[in-house]
Amino acid sequence: MSSFYKKNRRIPKQLLSEKEEVIIETLTLDEKVSFFQEGLFHTDDLKIRNLTFNEKRIAILFLDSVIDNRSLQTYIIQPLIQKEVGTIHDSVSSNSVKETLQLEEALSVMVDGHCIILQEDSEWITFISMPKIPSNRNEPINEKVIRGSHQGFSENISENIHLIRERISSPKLTVKYSSVGETTRTKYSLVYLSDLTDMEIVKTIEDRISYIDSDSIQSPGYFEEFLEDNSFSPFPQFLNTERPDRVAGNLMEGRVAMVMEGSPTVLIFPVNFFSFFQTTEDYNNRAFIGSFIRFIRLISFIATLCLPAFYIAVISYNYEIIPVEIIFSIKSSLEYVPFPPLIEAAIMQLTLELLREAAIRLPNPIAQTIGVVGGLVIGTAVVDANLVSNTMVIVVAITAISSFVIPSNELSTSVRVLGFPLMVAAALFGVLGIVIGLMLLLIHMSNLKSMGHHYLYPVAPLDVKGLKDTFIRLPVWLMKKRPKDLRTVYRWKTSDSRGWKKNEDAD
C-alpha cells in the first residue's frame, strides 16, 4: 500500500490491520467469506452461492452488478453441480481461470468482473473473469459534451451500478438495495464510498426515507419532494444527472447517489448552489478554458434572472442611466406600442415558454418547424403589429439564450420562473425593487440547506479555500482537499502531485 494511501486513511485502520495480520492457511471457509464481506463493506450486490464439490463445501462469491449472471450460471455453477468431483480448473468452462494465495488480490479483482471460488480446507483462491457488458451505450440527451465520456445511464438499476463501478473500481464502493412504496415496491439503491463518505449523511437519508408512507413512488422526482429540506423553495436541492462520470466525480467528493429502477436519472446529495454550474467537461478542458466557461454560466444565470427586470426598471423609472444616444432609439421603438413595459415583457416571456414546451412535447421534425415559426412570429410579425418593441425582442432573446447556457434544466426553469416576480418588483419600484428582490432571494438561499448542508457553501459560510472550484476552476493539482462541509473521513484528494516540477527546478 502506498504511503499516500496510508497517510490519508483510504482504508480504515482496523481493516488495514486485519489485512496485514491475516494468514489464509489458518482461516476456515466461513472466515474467508466474512473477510470478503467486510472488505466489501457488506455491499448488497455481493452474492454468495454455496455448493458441494469433491464432498467439500465451496463458496462462489461475486458482485451481481459487474458479473454476467447467465454466463456464471452456464459455465461455472452448472458444471460444478453436474461434475461434483475433480478440480475446479478442469470442471468450469472458462479459459480465464487463475489462482492466488492472496486474499487482498482476490478482493481487488472482484470489482473488475471476477467471481471468486473459495474451497474448504484449501488455501488456494480461484478467480474467473465473467464481466458484464452493458447493453446501453447511448449519450444522455440533456447533458451532451464535446470532450468527455459519451455514455449514459439506462433504466436498469443493475446496469447503472455497473457503469458506476466501471469508473470507481474500488471495494469500498458500497451499494445498499431497498424498496419503497406499499403497492409499487419500487427498487432503489444508495451508492457511496464507505471509507470516505460521512456516515451521518447516509443515516440522514435512510431516516428520511423510512418516514415515506406512500403506496406509490415511481420516479426520482417523488423522492425529491419527500426528502428535500424545503419543498416550497424554487431552487433544486438535489442534483440529478444521467451521466455515470458525473456521478463518479461526486461520489469521490464524499456525496451519496440514489439509483432507481426504471429511471435513467440518478439523484446526488447533498449539493450546493455551485454544483449546478459544474460539468464534467470543465475538468477535461484546461483550467483557464474551464474557468472562462463556468464564469459565462454564472453570468448567464444573472442575465436570465435580472435582464428583463432591469430593462423594465430603466424604461419605467431610471431612464436617466441610459446614454442619450440610446434613449432616442428606444423611444422610437416604444412610440406605437400600446402596452406598458411589464405587460410587454410578460407577453414575450410567456410566448417563449409556450414555444419551449411545445418543442419538448412534439416529435423532433415538427419541433424544429415550431422553432422556425416561433422565430418568425416573435421576430417579425409581433414587431410589425406594434405589440412589442424591437428592444424588448432583443432583451427576451438574450434572456432565452442565457437560460439555455445553465447546465441544469431544473435550475434553468427555476430562474426563468423567478424572473416574473422580479419584473413586477421592477415595474413597481424600479431598480430599488430589483435590489429588494435580490436581497430576499439571497436571504432565502442563505437559509436553504440540502440534507442539512448549507446551500451557498463555500460563500456562506465563507470558506476561502473552498472557492477554488466555484466561480472559477483552478488546476486539479491545486485542489488538494475535498469540500469541508461534507465532513469526509479524509479530505485530501491528492498529495504533492507536481513534485517533478520541484525536482526539475532544483536541478
Protein backbone atom coordinates (compact mmCIF):
# COMPACT_ATOMS: atom_id res chain seq x y z
CA MET A 1 0.00 0.00 0.00
CA SER A 2 1.42 3.41 -0.99
CA SER A 3 2.47 5.94 1.62
CA PHE A 4 -0.12 8.42 0.30
CA TYR A 5 -2.95 5.95 0.91
CA LYS A 6 -1.74 5.20 4.43
CA LYS A 7 -1.27 8.88 5.24
CA ASN A 8 -4.79 9.74 4.14
CA ARG A 9 -6.50 6.70 5.67
CA ARG A 10 -8.11 5.38 2.50
CA ILE A 11 -8.67 2.08 4.36
CA PRO A 12 -9.91 2.15 7.95
CA LYS A 13 -7.16 1.27 10.42
CA GLN A 14 -8.99 -1.75 11.80
CA LEU A 15 -9.46 -3.26 8.32
CA LEU A 16 -5.85 -2.47 7.38
CA SER A 17 -4.55 -4.26 10.46
CA GLU A 18 -6.75 -7.28 9.72
CA LYS A 19 -5.43 -7.48 6.18
CA GLU A 20 -1.82 -7.26 7.28
CA GLU A 21 -2.14 -9.89 10.00
CA VAL A 22 -4.44 -12.43 8.36
CA ILE A 23 -2.91 -15.80 7.37
CA ILE A 24 -5.03 -17.65 4.85
CA GLU A 25 -3.94 -21.14 5.94
CA THR A 26 -5.50 -20.61 9.37
CA LEU A 27 -8.90 -19.48 8.12
CA THR A 28 -12.00 -21.59 7.75
CA LEU A 29 -14.32 -21.22 4.78
CA ASP A 30 -16.78 -19.12 6.78
CA GLU A 31 -13.95 -16.84 7.97
CA LYS A 32 -12.79 -16.34 4.38
CA VAL A 33 -16.33 -15.42 3.34
CA SER A 34 -16.54 -12.99 6.26
CA PHE A 35 -13.28 -11.40 5.15
CA PHE A 36 -14.73 -10.63 1.72
CA GLN A 37 -17.99 -9.36 3.21
CA GLU A 38 -16.13 -6.97 5.48
CA GLY A 39 -13.66 -6.00 2.77
CA LEU A 40 -16.58 -5.04 0.54
CA PHE A 41 -18.31 -3.25 3.45
CA HIS A 42 -21.29 -5.63 3.29
CA THR A 43 -22.44 -4.20 -0.03
CA ASP A 44 -25.82 -5.57 -1.12
CA ASP A 45 -24.69 -6.51 -4.63
CA LEU A 46 -22.31 -9.12 -3.17
CA LYS A 47 -23.86 -12.54 -3.79
CA ILE A 48 -22.75 -15.87 -2.28
CA ARG A 49 -23.59 -19.29 -3.72
CA ASN A 50 -22.76 -22.34 -1.56
CA LEU A 51 -22.14 -25.69 -3.29
CA THR A 52 -20.58 -29.07 -2.59
CA PHE A 53 -17.63 -30.17 -4.71
CA ASN A 54 -15.32 -33.11 -4.02
CA GLU A 55 -17.54 -33.77 -0.98
CA LYS A 56 -16.42 -30.46 0.49
CA ARG A 57 -18.08 -27.12 0.76
CA ILE A 58 -17.20 -24.36 -1.70
CA ALA A 59 -18.45 -20.78 -1.85
CA ILE A 60 -18.81 -18.75 -5.05
CA LEU A 61 -18.67 -15.02 -4.39
CA PHE A 62 -19.42 -12.37 -6.98
CA LEU A 63 -20.73 -8.83 -7.38
CA ASP A 64 -24.09 -9.07 -9.09
CA SER A 65 -23.71 -5.63 -10.72
CA VAL A 66 -20.46 -6.45 -12.59
CA ILE A 67 -20.86 -10.18 -13.33
CA ASP A 68 -22.68 -11.70 -16.29
CA ASN A 69 -25.11 -13.89 -14.35
CA ARG A 70 -26.12 -16.00 -17.33
CA SER A 71 -22.52 -16.90 -18.15
CA LEU A 72 -21.82 -17.57 -14.48
CA GLN A 73 -24.73 -19.99 -14.27
CA THR A 74 -23.93 -21.71 -17.58
CA TYR A 75 -20.13 -22.02 -17.45
CA ILE A 76 -19.35 -22.23 -13.73
CA ILE A 77 -22.24 -23.18 -11.45
CA GLN A 78 -23.90 -25.84 -13.62
CA PRO A 79 -20.62 -27.67 -14.48
CA LEU A 80 -19.66 -27.76 -10.79
CA ILE A 81 -23.08 -29.14 -9.83
CA GLN A 82 -23.03 -31.79 -12.57
CA LYS A 83 -19.44 -33.00 -12.12
CA GLU A 84 -19.08 -32.84 -8.32
CA VAL A 85 -15.60 -34.50 -8.43
CA GLY A 86 -12.29 -33.30 -9.89
CA THR A 87 -10.53 -29.96 -9.99
CA ILE A 88 -12.19 -26.60 -10.43
CA HIS A 89 -9.84 -25.70 -13.27
CA ASP A 90 -10.93 -28.76 -15.28
CA SER A 91 -14.61 -28.54 -14.32
CA VAL A 92 -15.55 -24.98 -15.30
CA SER A 93 -15.97 -23.95 -18.92
CA SER A 94 -13.68 -20.93 -18.98
CA ASN A 95 -10.20 -20.12 -20.26
CA SER A 96 -9.56 -17.37 -17.69
CA VAL A 97 -9.20 -19.48 -14.53
CA LYS A 98 -6.49 -18.21 -12.17
CA GLU A 99 -5.47 -18.95 -8.62
CA THR A 100 -3.88 -16.99 -5.83
CA LEU A 101 -2.96 -17.24 -2.18
CA GLN A 102 -3.53 -13.53 -1.54
CA LEU A 103 -6.88 -12.51 -0.10
CA GLU A 104 -6.18 -8.85 -0.96
CA GLU A 105 -5.57 -9.71 -4.62
CA ALA A 106 -8.80 -11.71 -4.83
CA LEU A 107 -10.70 -8.85 -3.18
CA SER A 108 -9.36 -6.30 -5.68
CA VAL A 109 -10.22 -8.35 -8.79
CA MET A 110 -13.83 -8.92 -7.72
CA VAL A 111 -14.78 -5.35 -8.62
CA ASP A 112 -13.29 -5.86 -12.10
CA GLY A 113 -15.79 -8.57 -13.02
CA HIS A 114 -14.28 -11.74 -11.49
CA CYS A 115 -16.10 -14.33 -9.42
CA ILE A 116 -14.23 -15.91 -6.51
CA ILE A 117 -14.35 -19.60 -5.59
CA LEU A 118 -13.33 -20.48 -2.04
CA GLN A 119 -12.76 -24.11 -1.05
CA GLU A 120 -12.95 -25.72 2.34
CA ASP A 121 -9.56 -26.95 3.65
CA SER A 122 -7.70 -25.27 0.78
CA GLU A 123 -5.63 -22.10 0.90
CA TRP A 124 -5.93 -21.53 -2.84
CA ILE A 125 -8.45 -18.95 -4.11
CA THR A 126 -9.75 -19.40 -7.65
CA PHE A 127 -10.99 -16.40 -9.59
CA ILE A 128 -12.60 -16.39 -13.02
CA SER A 129 -13.37 -13.43 -15.26
CA MET A 130 -17.09 -13.09 -16.10
CA PRO A 131 -17.57 -9.36 -16.81
CA LYS A 132 -20.96 -7.92 -17.66
CA ILE A 133 -21.27 -5.88 -20.83
CA PRO A 134 -24.00 -3.22 -20.50
CA SER A 135 -26.41 -3.09 -23.42
CA ASN A 136 -26.83 0.69 -23.18
CA ARG A 137 -24.12 2.95 -24.56
CA ASN A 138 -26.19 5.98 -25.54
CA GLU A 139 -25.21 9.53 -24.68
CA PRO A 140 -27.63 11.46 -22.44
CA ILE A 141 -29.74 13.86 -24.49
CA ASN A 142 -29.82 16.56 -21.81
CA GLU A 143 -26.11 16.54 -20.89
CA LYS A 144 -24.08 16.46 -24.07
CA VAL A 145 -20.35 17.23 -24.00
CA ILE A 146 -17.74 17.77 -26.68
CA ARG A 147 -14.80 16.35 -24.78
CA GLY A 148 -15.51 13.57 -22.32
CA SER A 149 -17.48 10.37 -21.90
CA HIS A 150 -20.46 9.82 -24.18
CA GLN A 151 -22.04 7.14 -22.03
CA GLY A 152 -25.32 7.49 -20.16
CA PHE A 153 -27.44 5.56 -17.72
CA SER A 154 -30.24 3.21 -18.74
CA GLU A 155 -33.45 2.29 -16.93
CA ASN A 156 -31.95 -0.89 -15.44
CA ILE A 157 -30.63 -0.43 -11.91
CA SER A 158 -28.05 -3.23 -12.16
CA GLU A 159 -26.58 -1.84 -15.39
CA ASN A 160 -26.41 1.64 -13.89
CA ILE A 161 -24.49 0.42 -10.84
CA HIS A 162 -22.15 -1.44 -13.19
CA LEU A 163 -21.45 1.80 -15.05
CA ILE A 164 -20.54 3.44 -11.73
CA ARG A 165 -18.31 0.52 -10.71
CA GLU A 166 -16.52 0.77 -14.06
CA ARG A 167 -15.35 4.23 -13.04
CA ILE A 168 -14.72 3.55 -9.35
CA SER A 169 -13.06 0.16 -9.27
CA SER A 170 -12.81 0.01 -5.51
CA PRO A 171 -14.02 -2.50 -2.91
CA LYS A 172 -15.04 0.48 -0.76
CA LEU A 173 -17.87 1.38 -3.15
CA THR A 174 -20.95 0.26 -1.24
CA VAL A 175 -24.39 -0.44 -2.68
CA LYS A 176 -27.42 -0.67 -0.40
CA TYR A 177 -30.61 -2.00 -2.03
CA SER A 178 -34.09 -1.36 -0.70
CA SER A 179 -37.63 -0.73 -1.93
CA VAL A 180 -40.29 1.88 -1.22
CA GLY A 181 -43.99 2.24 -1.92
CA GLU A 182 -46.51 -0.16 -0.36
CA THR A 183 -48.06 -1.08 -3.72
CA THR A 184 -45.37 -0.45 -6.32
CA ARG A 185 -42.42 -1.71 -4.17
CA THR A 186 -40.06 0.36 -6.31
CA LYS A 187 -36.46 -0.82 -6.05
CA TYR A 188 -33.71 1.72 -5.41
CA SER A 189 -30.14 1.73 -4.12
CA LEU A 190 -27.92 4.13 -2.24
CA VAL A 191 -24.34 4.21 -3.53
CA TYR A 192 -21.42 5.71 -1.62
CA LEU A 193 -17.80 5.12 -0.61
CA SER A 194 -17.83 3.62 2.88
CA ASP A 195 -14.31 4.71 3.79
CA LEU A 196 -14.85 8.27 2.58
CA THR A 197 -18.45 9.44 2.97
CA ASP A 198 -19.62 10.86 6.27
CA MET A 199 -21.99 8.16 7.54
CA GLU A 200 -24.18 10.84 9.14
CA ILE A 201 -25.25 11.82 5.62
CA VAL A 202 -26.18 8.21 4.83
CA LYS A 203 -28.04 7.89 8.13
CA THR A 204 -29.97 11.13 7.47
CA ILE A 205 -31.04 9.88 4.05
CA GLU A 206 -32.11 6.48 5.37
CA ASP A 207 -34.04 8.09 8.24
CA ARG A 208 -35.95 10.39 5.87
CA ILE A 209 -36.75 7.51 3.52
CA SER A 210 -38.05 5.45 6.45
CA TYR A 211 -40.73 8.11 7.03
CA ILE A 212 -42.10 7.81 3.49
CA ASP A 213 -45.60 6.38 3.79
CA SER A 214 -46.95 6.16 0.27
CA ASP A 215 -48.42 3.43 -1.88
CA SER A 216 -46.55 4.58 -4.99
CA ILE A 217 -43.07 6.01 -5.65
CA GLN A 218 -42.50 5.90 -9.39
CA SER A 219 -39.68 8.31 -10.19
CA PRO A 220 -36.78 10.19 -8.57
CA GLY A 221 -38.97 13.30 -8.55
CA TYR A 222 -41.16 11.65 -5.90
CA PHE A 223 -38.09 11.08 -3.75
CA GLU A 224 -37.02 14.70 -4.10
CA GLU A 225 -40.24 16.07 -2.66
CA PHE A 226 -40.24 13.61 0.24
CA LEU A 227 -36.57 14.14 1.16
CA GLU A 228 -35.68 17.77 0.43
CA ASP A 229 -35.38 20.25 3.30
CA ASN A 230 -37.71 22.86 1.77
CA SER A 231 -40.28 21.60 -0.72
CA PHE A 232 -41.56 25.13 -1.39
CA SER A 233 -38.20 26.55 -2.43
CA PRO A 234 -37.87 27.39 -6.14
CA PHE A 235 -34.29 26.10 -6.13
CA PRO A 236 -33.45 22.40 -6.69
CA GLN A 237 -31.78 20.91 -3.61
CA PHE A 238 -30.65 17.63 -5.21
CA LEU A 239 -28.58 17.25 -8.34
CA ASN A 240 -29.98 14.87 -10.95
CA THR A 241 -27.88 13.52 -13.79
CA GLU A 242 -27.82 10.80 -16.43
CA ARG A 243 -24.02 10.70 -16.67
CA PRO A 244 -22.01 7.95 -14.90
CA ASP A 245 -18.83 10.06 -14.93
CA ARG A 246 -20.61 12.90 -13.15
CA VAL A 247 -21.92 10.51 -10.50
CA ALA A 248 -18.45 9.04 -10.02
CA GLY A 249 -16.93 12.50 -9.60
CA ASN A 250 -19.46 13.43 -6.91
CA LEU A 251 -19.02 10.12 -5.10
CA MET A 252 -15.29 10.81 -4.93
CA GLU A 253 -16.14 14.13 -3.28
CA GLY A 254 -17.95 12.28 -0.49
CA ARG A 255 -21.55 12.56 -1.69
CA VAL A 256 -24.25 9.89 -1.95
CA ALA A 257 -26.05 8.77 -5.11
CA MET A 258 -29.50 7.23 -5.38
CA VAL A 259 -30.13 4.90 -8.32
CA MET A 260 -33.72 3.89 -9.04
CA GLU A 261 -35.17 1.05 -11.06
CA GLY A 262 -36.97 2.22 -14.20
CA SER A 263 -35.28 5.63 -14.39
CA PRO A 264 -32.04 6.78 -16.07
CA THR A 265 -31.86 9.72 -13.67
CA VAL A 266 -29.61 9.43 -10.61
CA LEU A 267 -30.02 11.76 -7.63
CA ILE A 268 -26.93 13.14 -5.87
CA PHE A 269 -26.97 14.71 -2.41
CA PRO A 270 -26.05 16.81 -0.59
CA VAL A 271 -25.15 19.53 -3.09
CA ASN A 272 -24.66 23.28 -3.08
CA PHE A 273 -25.72 26.02 -5.47
CA PHE A 274 -22.45 25.94 -7.43
CA SER A 275 -22.75 22.20 -8.12
CA PHE A 276 -25.39 23.00 -10.75
CA PHE A 277 -22.86 25.01 -12.79
CA GLN A 278 -20.21 22.28 -12.86
CA THR A 279 -19.97 19.82 -15.73
CA THR A 280 -17.55 17.01 -16.50
CA GLU A 281 -16.31 18.99 -19.48
CA ASP A 282 -14.93 21.65 -17.13
CA TYR A 283 -12.32 19.18 -15.93
CA ASN A 284 -11.49 17.84 -19.38
CA ASN A 285 -10.56 21.31 -20.62
CA ARG A 286 -7.58 23.27 -19.39
CA ALA A 287 -8.16 25.26 -16.21
CA PHE A 288 -8.23 28.63 -17.98
CA ILE A 289 -10.85 27.48 -20.51
CA GLY A 290 -12.91 25.70 -17.86
CA SER A 291 -12.89 28.79 -15.64
CA PHE A 292 -13.96 31.05 -18.51
CA ILE A 293 -16.88 28.79 -19.46
CA ARG A 294 -18.02 28.46 -15.84
CA PHE A 295 -17.87 32.23 -15.40
CA ILE A 296 -20.02 32.58 -18.54
CA ARG A 297 -22.58 30.23 -16.96
CA LEU A 298 -22.77 32.30 -13.79
CA ILE A 299 -23.17 35.50 -15.83
CA SER A 300 -25.94 33.82 -17.83
CA PHE A 301 -27.72 32.96 -14.57
CA ILE A 302 -27.69 36.63 -13.56
CA ALA A 303 -28.79 37.72 -17.04
CA THR A 304 -31.70 35.27 -17.08
CA LEU A 305 -32.85 36.45 -13.69
CA CYS A 306 -32.31 40.20 -13.94
CA LEU A 307 -32.16 41.38 -17.56
CA PRO A 308 -35.92 41.73 -18.30
CA ALA A 309 -36.50 43.30 -14.87
CA PHE A 310 -33.60 45.71 -15.38
CA TYR A 311 -34.97 46.74 -18.78
CA ILE A 312 -38.42 47.41 -17.25
CA ALA A 313 -36.89 49.43 -14.39
CA VAL A 314 -34.80 51.55 -16.77
CA ILE A 315 -37.68 52.25 -19.15
CA SER A 316 -40.24 52.95 -16.41
CA TYR A 317 -38.24 54.80 -13.75
CA ASN A 318 -34.48 55.09 -14.14
CA TYR A 319 -34.14 56.17 -17.76
CA GLU A 320 -31.52 58.74 -16.73
CA ILE A 321 -28.87 55.99 -16.55
CA ILE A 322 -29.28 55.27 -20.28
CA PRO A 323 -26.84 57.07 -22.61
CA VAL A 324 -28.56 59.84 -24.58
CA GLU A 325 -27.73 58.26 -27.92
CA ILE A 326 -29.66 55.11 -27.00
CA ILE A 327 -32.66 56.93 -25.46
CA PHE A 328 -33.93 58.18 -28.84
CA SER A 329 -33.64 54.71 -30.39
CA ILE A 330 -35.59 53.10 -27.54
CA LYS A 331 -38.19 55.89 -27.53
CA SER A 332 -38.85 55.49 -31.25
CA SER A 333 -39.37 51.72 -30.85
CA LEU A 334 -41.80 52.27 -27.96
CA GLU A 335 -43.80 55.04 -29.62
CA TYR A 336 -46.56 52.86 -31.08
CA VAL A 337 -46.56 50.03 -28.51
CA PRO A 338 -49.86 50.17 -26.55
CA PHE A 339 -48.69 48.15 -23.52
CA PRO A 340 -46.53 49.19 -20.55
CA PRO A 341 -43.09 47.50 -20.36
CA LEU A 342 -44.25 44.95 -17.75
CA ILE A 343 -47.10 43.63 -19.93
CA GLU A 344 -44.83 43.70 -22.95
CA ALA A 345 -42.16 41.62 -21.19
CA ALA A 346 -44.73 39.21 -19.74
CA ILE A 347 -46.24 38.56 -23.20
CA MET A 348 -42.83 37.82 -24.67
CA GLN A 349 -41.68 35.59 -21.80
CA LEU A 350 -44.92 33.60 -21.76
CA THR A 351 -44.79 33.17 -25.55
CA LEU A 352 -41.23 31.87 -25.24
CA GLU A 353 -42.30 29.38 -22.56
CA LEU A 354 -45.18 28.19 -24.78
CA LEU A 355 -42.82 27.62 -27.70
CA ARG A 356 -40.34 25.79 -25.48
CA GLU A 357 -42.99 23.50 -24.03
CA ALA A 358 -44.42 22.78 -27.48
CA ALA A 359 -40.96 21.90 -28.83
CA ILE A 360 -40.43 19.43 -25.97
CA ARG A 361 -43.75 17.62 -26.42
CA LEU A 362 -43.69 17.30 -30.21
CA PRO A 363 -41.61 14.85 -32.30
CA ASN A 364 -38.23 16.19 -33.40
CA PRO A 365 -39.09 17.06 -37.06
CA ILE A 366 -42.19 19.00 -36.00
CA ALA A 367 -40.37 20.62 -33.07
CA GLN A 368 -37.85 22.14 -35.47
CA THR A 369 -40.71 23.61 -37.50
CA ILE A 370 -42.20 25.09 -34.32
CA GLY A 371 -38.86 26.79 -33.65
CA VAL A 372 -38.77 28.39 -37.11
CA VAL A 373 -42.40 29.51 -36.92
CA GLY A 374 -41.91 30.86 -33.40
CA GLY A 375 -38.86 32.81 -34.51
CA LEU A 376 -40.77 34.41 -37.36
CA VAL A 377 -43.75 35.26 -35.12
CA ILE A 378 -41.63 36.77 -32.37
CA GLY A 379 -39.06 38.43 -34.59
CA THR A 380 -41.21 39.86 -37.36
CA ALA A 381 -44.98 39.68 -37.00
CA VAL A 382 -45.19 40.85 -33.37
CA VAL A 383 -42.92 43.83 -34.01
CA ASP A 384 -44.68 44.79 -37.25
CA ALA A 385 -48.01 44.70 -35.41
CA ASN A 386 -46.60 47.14 -32.83
CA LEU A 387 -47.42 44.77 -29.99
CA VAL A 388 -43.81 44.56 -28.81
CA SER A 389 -40.83 46.83 -29.32
CA ASN A 390 -37.63 45.82 -31.10
CA THR A 391 -35.64 46.40 -27.92
CA MET A 392 -37.83 44.02 -25.92
CA VAL A 393 -37.35 41.30 -28.55
CA ILE A 394 -33.57 41.66 -28.14
CA VAL A 395 -33.82 41.56 -24.33
CA VAL A 396 -36.00 38.44 -24.34
CA ALA A 397 -33.79 36.73 -26.93
CA ILE A 398 -30.68 37.33 -24.80
CA THR A 399 -32.57 36.09 -21.72
CA ALA A 400 -33.65 32.91 -23.52
CA ILE A 401 -30.15 32.15 -24.76
CA SER A 402 -28.73 32.78 -21.29
CA SER A 403 -31.19 30.34 -19.70
CA PHE A 404 -30.10 27.59 -22.09
CA VAL A 405 -26.46 28.03 -21.05
CA ILE A 406 -27.19 26.87 -17.48
CA PRO A 407 -26.26 23.14 -17.37
CA SER A 408 -29.08 22.11 -15.01
CA ASN A 409 -32.52 22.08 -16.61
CA GLU A 410 -34.20 22.33 -13.19
CA LEU A 411 -32.21 25.41 -12.19
CA SER A 412 -32.75 26.97 -15.62
CA THR A 413 -36.53 26.59 -15.29
CA SER A 414 -36.49 27.92 -11.72
CA VAL A 415 -34.59 31.05 -12.77
CA ARG A 416 -36.99 31.79 -15.60
CA VAL A 417 -39.94 31.49 -13.21
CA LEU A 418 -38.22 33.76 -10.65
CA GLY A 419 -37.82 36.38 -13.35
CA PHE A 420 -41.57 37.13 -13.29
CA PRO A 421 -41.86 38.39 -9.66
CA LEU A 422 -38.63 40.32 -10.18
CA MET A 423 -40.19 42.03 -13.22
CA VAL A 424 -43.22 43.00 -11.11
CA ALA A 425 -40.90 44.47 -8.44
CA ALA A 426 -39.05 46.43 -11.13
CA ALA A 427 -42.33 47.77 -12.55
CA LEU A 428 -43.44 48.94 -9.08
CA PHE A 429 -40.21 50.33 -7.61
CA GLY A 430 -37.62 50.47 -10.39
CA VAL A 431 -34.03 49.46 -9.64
CA LEU A 432 -34.83 49.61 -5.92
CA GLY A 433 -37.40 46.84 -6.45
CA ILE A 434 -34.76 44.66 -8.14
CA VAL A 435 -32.35 45.22 -5.23
CA ILE A 436 -35.03 44.31 -2.68
CA GLY A 437 -36.00 41.21 -4.67
CA LEU A 438 -32.39 40.04 -4.95
CA MET A 439 -31.83 40.64 -1.23
CA LEU A 440 -34.84 38.47 -0.36
CA LEU A 441 -33.58 35.82 -2.76
CA LEU A 442 -30.11 35.80 -1.19
CA ILE A 443 -31.59 35.59 2.32
CA HIS A 444 -33.66 32.59 1.24
CA MET A 445 -30.65 30.88 -0.37
CA SER A 446 -28.51 31.55 2.72
CA ASN A 447 -31.09 29.78 4.90
CA LEU A 448 -31.64 26.95 2.44
CA LYS A 449 -29.99 23.59 3.10
CA SER A 450 -29.51 20.34 1.22
CA MET A 451 -29.63 17.38 3.57
CA GLY A 452 -28.65 19.74 6.39
CA HIS A 453 -25.69 21.23 4.45
CA HIS A 454 -25.50 24.92 3.55
CA TYR A 455 -26.76 25.65 0.04
CA LEU A 456 -24.45 28.60 -0.60
CA TYR A 457 -21.27 26.94 0.67
CA PRO A 458 -18.40 27.97 0.29
CA VAL A 459 -19.68 31.57 0.03
CA ALA A 460 -21.98 31.37 3.07
CA PRO A 461 -20.46 30.25 5.36
CA LEU A 462 -17.29 31.57 3.80
CA ASP A 463 -14.51 29.07 3.11
CA VAL A 464 -11.77 30.79 1.14
CA LYS A 465 -10.00 27.53 0.26
CA GLY A 466 -13.29 26.08 -0.98
CA LEU A 467 -13.57 28.82 -3.63
CA LYS A 468 -11.03 27.02 -5.82
CA ASP A 469 -13.84 25.21 -7.64
CA THR A 470 -16.80 27.61 -7.61
CA PHE A 471 -16.75 30.81 -9.69
CA ILE A 472 -13.62 29.59 -11.47
CA ARG A 473 -11.71 26.33 -11.57
CA LEU A 474 -8.08 26.16 -10.54
CA PRO A 475 -5.80 23.41 -11.91
CA VAL A 476 -6.67 20.00 -10.49
CA TRP A 477 -3.31 19.63 -8.74
CA LEU A 478 -4.09 22.75 -6.67
CA MET A 479 -7.48 21.40 -5.49
CA LYS A 480 -5.95 19.05 -2.94
CA LYS A 481 -8.82 18.88 -0.45
CA ARG A 482 -12.46 17.89 -0.59
CA PRO A 483 -15.21 20.32 0.47
CA LYS A 484 -15.12 20.94 4.22
CA ASP A 485 -18.91 20.92 4.63
CA LEU A 486 -19.17 17.27 3.52
CA ARG A 487 -17.11 16.22 6.57
CA THR A 488 -15.48 13.33 4.73
CA VAL A 489 -13.37 10.77 6.62
CA TYR A 490 -10.29 12.16 4.89
CA ARG A 491 -10.18 15.42 2.98
CA TRP A 492 -7.06 15.00 0.87
CA LYS A 493 -7.65 14.19 -2.80
CA THR A 494 -4.03 14.38 -3.89
CA SER A 495 -0.62 14.92 -2.37
CA ASP A 496 2.16 16.98 -3.97
CA SER A 497 1.39 15.82 -7.50
CA ARG A 498 3.72 18.42 -9.00
CA GLY A 499 6.77 17.10 -7.23
CA TRP A 500 8.54 16.63 -10.57
CA LYS A 501 8.42 20.40 -11.02
CA LYS A 502 10.34 20.98 -7.80
CA ASN A 503 12.92 18.36 -8.77
CA GLU A 504 13.46 19.96 -12.21
CA ASP A 505 13.77 23.43 -10.64
CA ALA A 506 16.32 22.09 -8.16
CA ASP A 507 18.40 20.63 -10.99
